[in-house]
Amino acid sequence: MGKFDIGGIDDVIHGRFRLGIMAYLADAEVADFNELKAALQATQGNLSIHLRKLEEAGYIAIDKSFLNRRPLTRARMTPKGRVAFADYLDAIAKLVSD
């Protein structure tokens, strides 16, 4: 077995829901809360916690507004998040190929 280095795995992204959020946003650019909730089959509370962790890391930005007097929460990946996600995918690929 080659050199095994798990140190490149970003713990913020590595959780199942956070990885799902990042993968979804990498493709969708922007997604509203209910769209992410349905796609990830997450509860409202669980999704909120994981979005907050990604936002605190600077990987996503959350925009809150109103649409027809109803709250609208939208998430998008930041440039820092795109770099972190690409680095994460590279680290996983290296682990698998080594």
PDB file of N, CA and C in Angstrom:
ATOM      1  N   MET A   1       0.850  -1.183   0.000  1.00  0.00           N
ATOM      2  CA  MET A   1       0.000   0.000   0.000  1.00  0.00           C
ATOM      3  C   MET A   1       0.884   1.230   0.000  1.00  0.00           C
ATOM      4  N   GLY A   2       0.510   2.236  -0.827  1.00  0.00           N
ATOM      5  CA  GLY A   2       1.263   3.483  -0.914  1.00  0.00           C
ATOM      6  C   GLY A   2       1.081   4.318   0.337  1.00  0.00           C
ATOM      7  N   LYS A   3       1.601   5.498   0.285  1.00  0.00           N
ATOM      8  CA  LYS A   3       1.494   6.418   1.411  1.00  0.00           C
ATOM      9  C   LYS A   3       0.019   6.758   1.645  1.00  0.00           C
ATOM     10  N   PHE A   4      -0.450   6.463   2.828  1.00  0.00           N
ATOM     11  CA  PHE A   4      -1.839   6.704   3.195  1.00  0.00           C
ATOM     12  C   PHE A   4      -1.912   8.031   3.951  1.00  0.00           C
ATOM     13  N   ASP A   5      -2.601   9.025   3.385  1.00  0.00           N
ATOM     14  CA  ASP A   5      -2.696  10.330   4.014  1.00  0.00           C
ATOM     15  C   ASP A   5      -4.145  10.781   4.044  1.00  0.00           C
ATOM     16  N   ILE A   6      -4.740  10.648   5.213  1.00  0.00           N
ATOM     17  CA  ILE A   6      -6.129  11.074   5.362  1.00  0.00           C
ATOM     18  C   ILE A   6      -6.229  12.535   5.807  1.00  0.00           C
ATOM     19  N   GLY A   7      -5.080  13.167   6.019  1.00  0.00           N
ATOM     20  CA  GLY A   7      -5.045  14.542   6.495  1.00  0.00           C
ATOM     21  C   GLY A   7      -5.619  15.554   5.517  1.00  0.00           C
ATOM     22  N   GLY A   8      -5.729  15.220   4.250  1.00  0.00           N
ATOM     23  CA  GLY A   8      -6.278  16.138   3.261  1.00  0.00           C
ATOM     24  C   GLY A   8      -7.786  16.172   3.205  1.00  0.00           C
ATOM     25  N   ILE A   9      -8.423  15.322   3.997  1.00  0.00           N
ATOM     26  CA  ILE A   9      -9.892  15.266   4.001  1.00  0.00           C
ATOM     27  C   ILE A   9     -10.432  16.396   4.878  1.00  0.00           C
ATOM     28  N   ASP A  10     -11.211  17.273   4.297  1.00  0.00           N
ATOM     29  CA  ASP A  10     -11.793  18.409   5.005  1.00  0.00           C
ATOM     30  C   ASP A  10     -12.964  17.922   5.857  1.00  0.00           C
ATOM     31  N   ASP A  11     -12.821  18.012   7.172  1.00  0.00           N
ATOM     32  CA  ASP A  11     -13.866  17.536   8.089  1.00  0.00           C
ATOM     33  C   ASP A  11     -15.166  18.326   7.961  1.00  0.00           C
ATOM     34  N   VAL A  12     -15.084  19.566   7.551  1.00  0.00           N
ATOM     35  CA  VAL A  12     -16.298  20.367   7.402  1.00  0.00           C
ATOM     36  C   VAL A  12     -17.150  19.816   6.267  1.00  0.00           C
ATOM     37  N   ILE A  13     -16.532  19.413   5.193  1.00  0.00           N
ATOM     38  CA  ILE A  13     -17.267  18.897   4.035  1.00  0.00           C
ATOM     39  C   ILE A  13     -17.622  17.424   4.194  1.00  0.00           C
ATOM     40  N   HIS A  14     -16.812  16.669   4.901  1.00  0.00           N
ATOM     41  CA  HIS A  14     -16.886  15.210   4.867  1.00  0.00           C
ATOM     42  C   HIS A  14     -18.191  14.607   5.394  1.00  0.00           C
ATOM     43  N   GLY A  15     -18.930  15.306   6.225  1.00  0.00           N
ATOM     44  CA  GLY A  15     -20.200  14.765   6.698  1.00  0.00           C
ATOM     45  C   GLY A  15     -21.157  14.524   5.543  1.00  0.00           C
ATOM     46  N   ARG A  16     -21.994  13.521   5.660  1.00  0.00           N
ATOM     47  CA  ARG A  16     -22.882  13.119   4.564  1.00  0.00           C
ATOM     48  C   ARG A  16     -23.762  14.258   4.060  1.00  0.00           C
ATOM     49  N   PHE A  17     -24.423  14.966   4.956  1.00  0.00           N
ATOM     50  CA  PHE A  17     -25.296  16.058   4.507  1.00  0.00           C
ATOM     51  C   PHE A  17     -24.493  17.224   3.958  1.00  0.00           C
ATOM     52  N   ARG A  18     -23.381  17.558   4.596  1.00  0.00           N
ATOM     53  CA  ARG A  18     -22.581  18.681   4.099  1.00  0.00           C
ATOM     54  C   ARG A  18     -21.969  18.360   2.737  1.00  0.00           C
ATOM     55  N   LEU A  19     -21.532  17.128   2.554  1.00  0.00           N
ATOM     56  CA  LEU A  19     -21.028  16.713   1.240  1.00  0.00           C
ATOM     57  C   LEU A  19     -22.151  16.793   0.203  1.00  0.00           C
ATOM     58  N   GLY A  20     -23.338  16.375   0.587  1.00  0.00           N
ATOM     59  CA  GLY A  20     -24.489  16.458  -0.316  1.00  0.00           C
ATOM     60  C   GLY A  20     -24.826  17.883  -0.686  1.00  0.00           C
ATOM     61  N   ILE A  21     -24.776  18.788   0.286  1.00  0.00           N
ATOM     62  CA  ILE A  21     -25.046  20.199   0.023  1.00  0.00           C
ATOM     63  C   ILE A  21     -24.019  20.746  -0.965  1.00  0.00           C
ATOM     64  N   MET A  22     -22.746  20.468  -0.704  1.00  0.00           N
ATOM     65  CA  MET A  22     -21.685  20.984  -1.571  1.00  0.00           C
ATOM     66  C   MET A  22     -21.805  20.415  -2.987  1.00  0.00           C
ATOM     67  N   ALA A  23     -22.076  19.132  -3.101  1.00  0.00           N
ATOM     68  CA  ALA A  23     -22.218  18.513  -4.424  1.00  0.00           C
ATOM     69  C   ALA A  23     -23.412  19.099  -5.167  1.00  0.00           C
ATOM     70  N   TYR A  24     -24.508  19.312  -4.459  1.00  0.00           N
ATOM     71  CA  TYR A  24     -25.702  19.871  -5.083  1.00  0.00           C
ATOM     72  C   TYR A  24     -25.438  21.290  -5.564  1.00  0.00           C
ATOM     73  N   LEU A  25     -24.812  22.098  -4.701  1.00  0.00           N
ATOM     74  CA  LEU A  25     -24.551  23.488  -5.065  1.00  0.00           C
ATOM     75  C   LEU A  25     -23.482  23.623  -6.142  1.00  0.00           C
ATOM     76  N   ALA A  26     -22.572  22.675  -6.220  1.00  0.00           N
ATOM     77  CA  ALA A  26     -21.553  22.711  -7.274  1.00  0.00           C
ATOM     78  C   ALA A  26     -22.216  22.635  -8.645  1.00  0.00           C
ATOM     79  N   ASP A  27     -23.330  21.941  -8.720  1.00  0.00           N
ATOM     80  CA  ASP A  27     -24.047  21.787  -9.983  1.00  0.00           C
ATOM     81  C   ASP A  27     -25.128  22.853 -10.161  1.00  0.00           C
ATOM     82  N   ALA A  28     -25.861  23.141  -9.091  1.00  0.00           N
ATOM     83  CA  ALA A  28     -27.031  24.005  -9.191  1.00  0.00           C
ATOM     84  C   ALA A  28     -26.715  25.494  -9.062  1.00  0.00           C
ATOM     85  N   GLU A  29     -25.532  25.840  -8.589  1.00  0.00           N
ATOM     86  CA  GLU A  29     -25.151  27.233  -8.340  1.00  0.00           C
ATOM     87  C   GLU A  29     -25.890  27.821  -7.146  1.00  0.00           C
ATOM     88  N   VAL A  30     -27.224  27.856  -7.183  1.00  0.00           N
ATOM     89  CA  VAL A  30     -28.040  28.384  -6.082  1.00  0.00           C
ATOM     90  C   VAL A  30     -29.203  27.425  -5.852  1.00  0.00           C
ATOM     91  N   ALA A  31     -29.545  27.225  -4.578  1.00  0.00           N
ATOM     92  CA  ALA A  31     -30.691  26.367  -4.262  1.00  0.00           C
ATOM     93  C   ALA A  31     -31.423  26.937  -3.062  1.00  0.00           C
ATOM     94  N   ASP A  32     -32.744  26.837  -3.084  1.00  0.00           N
ATOM     95  CA  ASP A  32     -33.469  27.304  -1.913  1.00  0.00           C
ATOM     96  C   ASP A  32     -33.557  26.180  -0.883  1.00  0.00           C
ATOM     97  N   PHE A  33     -33.906  26.563   0.322  1.00  0.00           N
ATOM     98  CA  PHE A  33     -33.895  25.651   1.463  1.00  0.00           C
ATOM     99  C   PHE A  33     -34.742  24.407   1.202  1.00  0.00           C
ATOM    100  N   ASN A  34     -35.957  24.600   0.721  1.00  0.00           N
ATOM    101  CA  ASN A  34     -36.857  23.456   0.496  1.00  0.00           C
ATOM    102  C   ASN A  34     -36.350  22.537  -0.607  1.00  0.00           C
ATOM    103  N   GLU A  35     -35.699  23.105  -1.601  1.00  0.00           N
ATOM    104  CA  GLU A  35     -35.107  22.309  -2.679  1.00  0.00           C
ATOM    105  C   GLU A  35     -34.012  21.395  -2.116  1.00  0.00           C
ATOM    106  N   LEU A  36     -33.134  21.963  -1.281  1.00  0.00           N
ATOM    107  CA  LEU A  36     -32.073  21.170  -0.653  1.00  0.00           C
ATOM    108  C   LEU A  36     -32.656  20.131   0.297  1.00  0.00           C
ATOM    109  N   LYS A  37     -33.641  20.537   1.057  1.00  0.00           N
ATOM    110  CA  LYS A  37     -34.281  19.623   2.014  1.00  0.00           C
ATOM    111  C   LYS A  37     -34.842  18.394   1.298  1.00  0.00           C
ATOM    112  N   ALA A  38     -35.513  18.611   0.186  1.00  0.00           N
ATOM    113  CA  ALA A  38     -36.088  17.502  -0.577  1.00  0.00           C
ATOM    114  C   ALA A  38     -34.997  16.652  -1.228  1.00  0.00           C
ATOM    115  N   ALA A  39     -34.013  17.299  -1.821  1.00  0.00           N
ATOM    116  CA  ALA A  39     -32.956  16.563  -2.524  1.00  0.00           C
ATOM    117  C   ALA A  39     -32.150  15.687  -1.569  1.00  0.00           C
ATOM    118  N   LEU A  40     -31.923  16.181  -0.356  1.00  0.00           N
ATOM    119  CA  LEU A  40     -31.097  15.446   0.614  1.00  0.00           C
ATOM    120  C   LEU A  40     -31.917  14.592   1.563  1.00  0.00           C
ATOM    121  N   GLN A  41     -33.242  14.707   1.467  1.00  0.00           N
ATOM    122  CA  GLN A  41     -34.143  13.991   2.369  1.00  0.00           C
ATOM    123  C   GLN A  41     -33.764  14.270   3.822  1.00  0.00           C
ATOM    124  N   ALA A  42     -33.608  15.548   4.114  1.00  0.00           N
ATOM    125  CA  ALA A  42     -33.190  16.001   5.434  1.00  0.00           C
ATOM    126  C   ALA A  42     -34.365  16.628   6.169  1.00  0.00           C
ATOM    127  N   THR A  43     -34.267  16.661   7.480  1.00  0.00           N
ATOM    128  CA  THR A  43     -35.249  17.399   8.255  1.00  0.00           C
ATOM    129  C   THR A  43     -34.859  18.872   8.235  1.00  0.00           C
ATOM    130  N   GLN A  44     -35.793  19.728   8.565  1.00  0.00           N
ATOM    131  CA  GLN A  44     -35.529  21.156   8.565  1.00  0.00           C
ATOM    132  C   GLN A  44     -34.408  21.500   9.548  1.00  0.00           C
ATOM    133  N   GLY A  45     -34.472  20.953  10.753  1.00  0.00           N
ATOM    134  CA  GLY A  45     -33.457  21.234  11.763  1.00  0.00           C
ATOM    135  C   GLY A  45     -32.086  20.728  11.374  1.00  0.00           C
ATOM    136  N   ASN A  46     -32.039  19.515  10.850  1.00  0.00           N
ATOM    137  CA  ASN A  46     -30.762  18.926  10.455  1.00  0.00           C
ATOM    138  C   ASN A  46     -30.119  19.731   9.331  1.00  0.00           C
ATOM    139  N   LEU A  47     -30.896  20.104   8.337  1.00  0.00           N
ATOM    140  CA  LEU A  47     -30.364  20.878   7.225  1.00  0.00           C
ATOM    141  C   LEU A  47     -29.873  22.238   7.707  1.00  0.00           C
ATOM    142  N   SER A  48     -30.620  22.876   8.592  1.00  0.00           N
ATOM    143  CA  SER A  48     -30.217  24.179   9.122  1.00  0.00           C
ATOM    144  C   SER A  48     -28.852  24.115   9.796  1.00  0.00           C
ATOM    145  N   ILE A  49     -28.630  23.084  10.585  1.00  0.00           N
ATOM    146  CA  ILE A  49     -27.351  22.924  11.292  1.00  0.00           C
ATOM    147  C   ILE A  49     -26.201  22.775  10.301  1.00  0.00           C
ATOM    148  N   HIS A  50     -26.385  21.954   9.292  1.00  0.00           N
ATOM    149  CA  HIS A  50     -25.307  21.702   8.333  1.00  0.00           C
ATOM    150  C   HIS A  50     -25.050  22.916   7.434  1.00  0.00           C
ATOM    151  N   LEU A  51     -26.103  23.635   7.076  1.00  0.00           N
ATOM    152  CA  LEU A  51     -25.911  24.869   6.314  1.00  0.00           C
ATOM    153  C   LEU A  51     -25.124  25.881   7.139  1.00  0.00           C
ATOM    154  N   ARG A  52     -25.441  25.974   8.420  1.00  0.00           N
ATOM    155  CA  ARG A  52     -24.735  26.916   9.287  1.00  0.00           C
ATOM    156  C   ARG A  52     -23.251  26.570   9.389  1.00  0.00           C
ATOM    157  N   LYS A  53     -22.921  25.279   9.512  1.00  0.00           N
ATOM    158  CA  LYS A  53     -21.511  24.874   9.596  1.00  0.00           C
ATOM    159  C   LYS A  53     -20.754  25.245   8.325  1.00  0.00           C
ATOM    160  N   LEU A  54     -21.368  25.022   7.179  1.00  0.00           N
ATOM    161  CA  LEU A  54     -20.729  25.381   5.912  1.00  0.00           C
ATOM    162  C   LEU A  54     -20.607  26.899   5.768  1.00  0.00           C
ATOM    163  N   GLU A  55     -21.607  27.619   6.245  1.00  0.00           N
ATOM    164  CA  GLU A  55     -21.553  29.076   6.185  1.00  0.00           C
ATOM    165  C   GLU A  55     -20.456  29.610   7.112  1.00  0.00           C
ATOM    166  N   GLU A  56     -20.358  29.067   8.315  1.00  0.00           N
ATOM    167  CA  GLU A  56     -19.318  29.498   9.258  1.00  0.00           C
ATOM    168  C   GLU A  56     -17.915  29.250   8.707  1.00  0.00           C
ATOM    169  N   ALA A  57     -17.752  28.198   7.914  1.00  0.00           N
ATOM    170  CA  ALA A  57     -16.456  27.897   7.301  1.00  0.00           C
ATOM    171  C   ALA A  57     -16.187  28.803   6.090  1.00  0.00           C
ATOM    172  N   GLY A  58     -17.206  29.536   5.647  1.00  0.00           N
ATOM    173  CA  GLY A  58     -17.055  30.400   4.480  1.00  0.00           C
ATOM    174  C   GLY A  58     -17.224  29.665   3.166  1.00  0.00           C
ATOM    175  N   TYR A  59     -17.756  28.439   3.212  1.00  0.00           N
ATOM    176  CA  TYR A  59     -17.903  27.625   2.007  1.00  0.00           C
ATOM    177  C   TYR A  59     -19.189  27.920   1.241  1.00  0.00           C
ATOM    178  N   ILE A  60     -20.205  28.403   1.951  1.00  0.00           N
ATOM    179  CA  ILE A  60     -21.457  28.786   1.290  1.00  0.00           C
ATOM    180  C   ILE A  60     -21.897  30.142   1.838  1.00  0.00           C
ATOM    181  N   ALA A  61     -22.734  30.813   1.081  1.00  0.00           N
ATOM    182  CA  ALA A  61     -23.362  32.055   1.525  1.00  0.00           C
ATOM    183  C   ALA A  61     -24.862  31.814   1.562  1.00  0.00           C
ATOM    184  N   ILE A  62     -25.490  32.324   2.601  1.00  0.00           N
ATOM    185  CA  ILE A  62     -26.932  32.186   2.769  1.00  0.00           C
ATOM    186  C   ILE A  62     -27.571  33.554   2.557  1.00  0.00           C
ATOM    187  N   ASP A  63     -28.556  33.603   1.713  1.00  0.00           N
ATOM    188  CA  ASP A  63     -29.313  34.833   1.462  1.00  0.00           C
ATOM    189  C   ASP A  63     -30.739  34.604   1.931  1.00  0.00           C
ATOM    190  N   LYS A  64     -31.225  35.504   2.779  1.00  0.00           N
ATOM    191  CA  LYS A  64     -32.604  35.396   3.277  1.00  0.00           C
ATOM    192  C   LYS A  64     -33.390  36.583   2.755  1.00  0.00           C
ATOM    193  N   SER A  65     -34.577  36.278   2.244  1.00  0.00           N
ATOM    194  CA  SER A  65     -35.453  37.328   1.722  1.00  0.00           C
ATOM    195  C   SER A  65     -36.902  36.863   1.878  1.00  0.00           C
ATOM    196  N   PHE A  66     -37.791  37.573   1.263  1.00  0.00           N
ATOM    197  CA  PHE A  66     -39.200  37.195   1.277  1.00  0.00           C
ATOM    198  C   PHE A  66     -39.707  37.129  -0.152  1.00  0.00           C
ATOM    199  N   LEU A  67     -40.579  36.166  -0.413  1.00  0.00           N
ATOM    200  CA  LEU A  67     -41.241  36.031  -1.703  1.00  0.00           C
ATOM    201  C   LEU A  67     -42.722  35.855  -1.412  1.00  0.00           C
ATOM    202  N   ASN A  68     -43.525  36.805  -1.853  1.00  0.00           N
ATOM    203  CA  ASN A  68     -44.960  36.784  -1.557  1.00  0.00           C
ATOM    204  C   ASN A  68     -45.214  36.653  -0.056  1.00  0.00           C
ATOM    205  N   ARG A  69     -44.473  37.438   0.705  1.00  0.00           N
ATOM    206  CA  ARG A  69     -44.590  37.500   2.170  1.00  0.00           C
ATOM    207  C   ARG A  69     -44.171  36.218   2.886  1.00  0.00           C
ATOM    208  N   ARG A  70     -43.525  35.333   2.168  1.00  0.00           N
ATOM    209  CA  ARG A  70     -43.041  34.092   2.790  1.00  0.00           C
ATOM    210  C   ARG A  70     -41.519  34.117   2.801  1.00  0.00           C
ATOM    211  N   PRO A  71     -40.908  33.646   3.883  1.00  0.00           N
ATOM    212  CA  PRO A  71     -39.446  33.643   3.945  1.00  0.00           C
ATOM    213  C   PRO A  71     -38.844  32.746   2.863  1.00  0.00           C
ATOM    214  N   LEU A  72     -37.756  33.221   2.289  1.00  0.00           N
ATOM    215  CA  LEU A  72     -37.047  32.455   1.267  1.00  0.00           C
ATOM    216  C   LEU A  72     -35.568  32.430   1.646  1.00  0.00           C
ATOM    217  N   THR A  73     -35.052  31.253   1.886  1.00  0.00           N
ATOM    218  CA  THR A  73     -33.642  31.070   2.221  1.00  0.00           C
ATOM    219  C   THR A  73     -32.977  30.376   1.060  1.00  0.00           C
ATOM    220  N   ARG A  74     -31.917  31.012   0.530  1.00  0.00           N
ATOM    221  CA  ARG A  74     -31.200  30.450  -0.611  1.00  0.00           C
ATOM    222  C   ARG A  74     -29.738  30.314  -0.248  1.00  0.00           C
ATOM    223  N   ALA A  75     -29.130  29.244  -0.735  1.00  0.00           N
ATOM    224  CA  ALA A  75     -27.712  28.982  -0.481  1.00  0.00           C
ATOM    225  C   ALA A  75     -26.964  28.935  -1.804  1.00  0.00           C
ATOM    226  N   ARG A  76     -25.733  29.425  -1.773  1.00  0.00           N
ATOM    227  CA  ARG A  76     -24.858  29.330  -2.938  1.00  0.00           C
ATOM    228  C   ARG A  76     -23.441  29.071  -2.447  1.00  0.00           C
ATOM    229  N   MET A  77     -22.663  28.407  -3.261  1.00  0.00           N
ATOM    230  CA  MET A  77     -21.290  28.111  -2.913  1.00  0.00           C
ATOM    231  C   MET A  77     -20.433  29.351  -3.165  1.00  0.00           C
ATOM    232  N   THR A  78     -19.534  29.648  -2.236  1.00  0.00           N
ATOM    233  CA  THR A  78     -18.620  30.780  -2.387  1.00  0.00           C
ATOM    234  C   THR A  78     -17.385  30.330  -3.173  1.00  0.00           C
ATOM    235  N   PRO A  79     -16.593  31.273  -3.651  1.00  0.00           N
ATOM    236  CA  PRO A  79     -15.332  30.893  -4.303  1.00  0.00           C
ATOM    237  C   PRO A  79     -14.443  30.046  -3.372  1.00  0.00           C
ATOM    238  N   LYS A  80     -14.384  30.421  -2.101  1.00  0.00           N
ATOM    239  CA  LYS A  80     -13.618  29.623  -1.128  1.00  0.00           C
ATOM    240  C   LYS A  80     -14.181  28.207  -1.043  1.00  0.00           C
ATOM    241  N   GLY A  81     -15.502  28.091  -1.089  1.00  0.00           N
ATOM    242  CA  GLY A  81     -16.147  26.781  -1.045  1.00  0.00           C
ATOM    243  C   GLY A  81     -15.830  25.940  -2.271  1.00  0.00           C
ATOM    244  N   ARG A  82     -15.774  26.577  -3.432  1.00  0.00           N
ATOM    245  CA  ARG A  82     -15.440  25.849  -4.676  1.00  0.00           C
ATOM    246  C   ARG A  82     -14.027  25.279  -4.592  1.00  0.00           C
ATOM    247  N   VAL A  83     -13.093  26.070  -4.071  1.00  0.00           N
ATOM    248  CA  VAL A  83     -11.719  25.592  -3.924  1.00  0.00           C
ATOM    249  C   VAL A  83     -11.668  24.448  -2.908  1.00  0.00           C
ATOM    250  N   ALA A  84     -12.345  24.624  -1.774  1.00  0.00           N
ATOM    251  CA  ALA A  84     -12.346  23.588  -0.736  1.00  0.00           C
ATOM    252  C   ALA A  84     -12.973  22.296  -1.261  1.00  0.00           C
ATOM    253  N   PHE A  85     -14.054  22.413  -2.033  1.00  0.00           N
ATOM    254  CA  PHE A  85     -14.722  21.221  -2.567  1.00  0.00           C
ATOM    255  C   PHE A  85     -13.824  20.512  -3.582  1.00  0.00           C
ATOM    256  N   ALA A  86     -13.176  21.276  -4.447  1.00  0.00           N
ATOM    257  CA  ALA A  86     -12.249  20.679  -5.424  1.00  0.00           C
ATOM    258  C   ALA A  86     -11.093  19.991  -4.699  1.00  0.00           C
ATOM    259  N   ASP A  87     -10.552  20.631  -3.664  1.00  0.00           N
ATOM    260  CA  ASP A  87      -9.474  20.020  -2.877  1.00  0.00           C
ATOM    261  C   ASP A  87      -9.945  18.739  -2.189  1.00  0.00           C
ATOM    262  N   TYR A  88     -11.169  18.769  -1.676  1.00  0.00           N
ATOM    263  CA  TYR A  88     -11.746  17.590  -1.030  1.00  0.00           C
ATOM    264  C   TYR A  88     -11.851  16.433  -2.026  1.00  0.00           C
ATOM    265  N   LEU A  89     -12.378  16.719  -3.210  1.00  0.00           N
ATOM    266  CA  LEU A  89     -12.523  15.667  -4.226  1.00  0.00           C
ATOM    267  C   LEU A  89     -11.159  15.123  -4.646  1.00  0.00           C
ATOM    268  N   ASP A  90     -10.166  16.000  -4.759  1.00  0.00           N
ATOM    269  CA  ASP A  90      -8.805  15.553  -5.089  1.00  0.00           C
ATOM    270  C   ASP A  90      -8.250  14.644  -3.998  1.00  0.00           C
ATOM    271  N   ALA A  91      -8.475  15.017  -2.734  1.00  0.00           N
ATOM    272  CA  ALA A  91      -7.966  14.209  -1.614  1.00  0.00           C
ATOM    273  C   ALA A  91      -8.625  12.824  -1.596  1.00  0.00           C
ATOM    274  N   ILE A  92      -9.925  12.777  -1.842  1.00  0.00           N
ATOM    275  CA  ILE A  92     -10.642  11.494  -1.881  1.00  0.00           C
ATOM    276  C   ILE A  92     -10.121  10.650  -3.053  1.00  0.00           C
ATOM    277  N   ALA A  93      -9.960  11.267  -4.208  1.00  0.00           N
ATOM    278  CA  ALA A  93      -9.456  10.543  -5.380  1.00  0.00           C
ATOM    279  C   ALA A  93      -8.059   9.989  -5.107  1.00  0.00           C
ATOM    280  N   LYS A  94      -7.233  10.754  -4.432  1.00  0.00           N
ATOM    281  CA  LYS A  94      -5.881  10.287  -4.127  1.00  0.00           C
ATOM    282  C   LYS A  94      -5.923   9.103  -3.165  1.00  0.00           C
ATOM    283  N   LEU A  95      -6.792   9.159  -2.178  1.00  0.00           N
ATOM    284  CA  LEU A  95      -6.922   8.034  -1.242  1.00  0.00           C
ATOM    285  C   LEU A  95      -7.349   6.761  -1.970  1.00  0.00           C
ATOM    286  N   VAL A  96      -8.277   6.917  -2.889  1.00  0.00           N
ATOM    287  CA  VAL A  96      -8.801   5.754  -3.604  1.00  0.00           C
ATOM    288  C   VAL A  96      -7.759   5.209  -4.583  1.00  0.00           C
ATOM    289  N   SER A  97      -7.011   6.095  -5.226  1.00  0.00           N
ATOM    290  CA  SER A  97      -6.054   5.625  -6.224  1.00  0.00           C
ATOM    291  C   SER A  97      -4.766   5.084  -5.602  1.00  0.00           C
ATOM    292  N   ASP A  98      -4.431   5.550  -4.402  1.00  0.00           N
ATOM    293  CA  ASP A  98      -3.220   5.045  -3.742  1.00  0.00           C
ATOM    294  C   ASP A  98      -3.550   3.721  -3.177  1.00  0.00           C
TER     295      ASP A  98
END
